Amino acid sequence: MVKNIGLQDRNIRYGVGAVLILAGLFGQNWLLGILGLIAVGTAYFGTCLAYVPLNINTKKQGE
């Protein structure tokens, strides 16, 4: 897979993912927890499959 997530995008995904996971745990809403895990997973691997068909790449040169 081609890495298409830049540093700023990655940090935002980690933050949003962590908030969603915590909201899912404390609010007992499993859907929020799964969305949080997806956000953290895409940040960790640096690839967003939704960006591929839209030809979006937030990664800058040298990252």
Protein backbone atom coordinates (compact mmCIF):
# COMPACT_ATOMS: atom_id res chain seq x y z
CA MET A 1 0.00 0.00 0.00
CA VAL A 2 1.16 3.49 -0.82
CA LYS A 3 1.51 5.79 2.18
CA ASN A 4 -0.78 8.76 1.56
CA ILE A 5 -1.16 10.32 5.01
CA GLY A 6 1.07 13.21 6.03
CA LEU A 7 2.36 14.05 9.49
CA GLN A 8 -0.35 16.60 10.37
CA ASP A 9 -3.11 14.30 9.09
CA ARG A 10 -1.62 11.43 11.09
CA ASN A 11 -1.53 13.42 14.34
CA ILE A 12 -5.13 14.53 13.88
CA ARG A 13 -6.21 10.93 13.28
CA TYR A 14 -4.41 9.76 16.44
CA GLY A 15 -6.13 12.45 18.51
CA VAL A 16 -9.60 11.93 17.06
CA GLY A 17 -9.21 8.16 17.26
CA ALA A 18 -8.24 8.29 20.92
CA VAL A 19 -11.23 10.50 21.74
CA LEU A 20 -13.59 8.19 19.85
CA ILE A 21 -12.21 5.09 21.58
CA LEU A 22 -12.64 6.69 25.00
CA ALA A 23 -16.14 7.90 24.11
CA GLY A 24 -16.99 4.38 22.98
CA LEU A 25 -15.69 2.84 26.18
CA PHE A 26 -17.26 5.27 28.63
CA GLY A 27 -20.45 5.79 26.65
CA GLN A 28 -20.81 2.06 25.99
CA ASN A 29 -21.20 2.72 22.28
CA TRP A 30 -19.25 0.09 20.37
CA LEU A 31 -19.66 1.88 17.03
CA LEU A 32 -17.65 4.88 18.25
CA GLY A 33 -14.96 2.55 19.52
CA ILE A 34 -14.67 0.83 16.15
CA LEU A 35 -14.48 4.17 14.33
CA GLY A 36 -11.72 5.20 16.73
CA LEU A 37 -9.79 2.00 16.07
CA ILE A 38 -10.07 2.61 12.32
CA ALA A 39 -8.75 6.17 12.72
CA VAL A 40 -5.82 5.01 14.86
CA GLY A 41 -5.10 2.12 12.48
CA THR A 42 -4.97 4.34 9.41
CA ALA A 43 -2.70 6.76 11.27
CA TYR A 44 -0.37 3.96 12.35
CA PHE A 45 -0.05 2.42 8.89
CA GLY A 46 -0.01 5.79 7.08
CA THR A 47 -2.52 4.68 4.48
CA CYS A 48 -6.14 5.70 4.06
CA LEU A 49 -8.07 3.49 1.67
CA ALA A 50 -10.73 6.19 1.20
CA TYR A 51 -8.05 8.52 -0.19
CA VAL A 52 -7.01 6.09 -2.95
CA PRO A 53 -10.03 6.36 -5.30
CA LEU A 54 -10.22 10.11 -4.65
CA ASN A 55 -6.50 10.48 -5.49
CA ILE A 56 -5.79 12.41 -2.27
CA ASN A 57 -2.31 12.51 -0.79
CA THR A 58 -1.57 14.66 2.28
CA LYS A 59 2.01 13.46 2.56
CA LYS A 60 4.57 16.15 1.75
CA GLN A 61 7.94 15.64 0.10
CA GLY A 62 10.51 14.31 2.55
CA GLU A 63 8.05 12.85 5.09
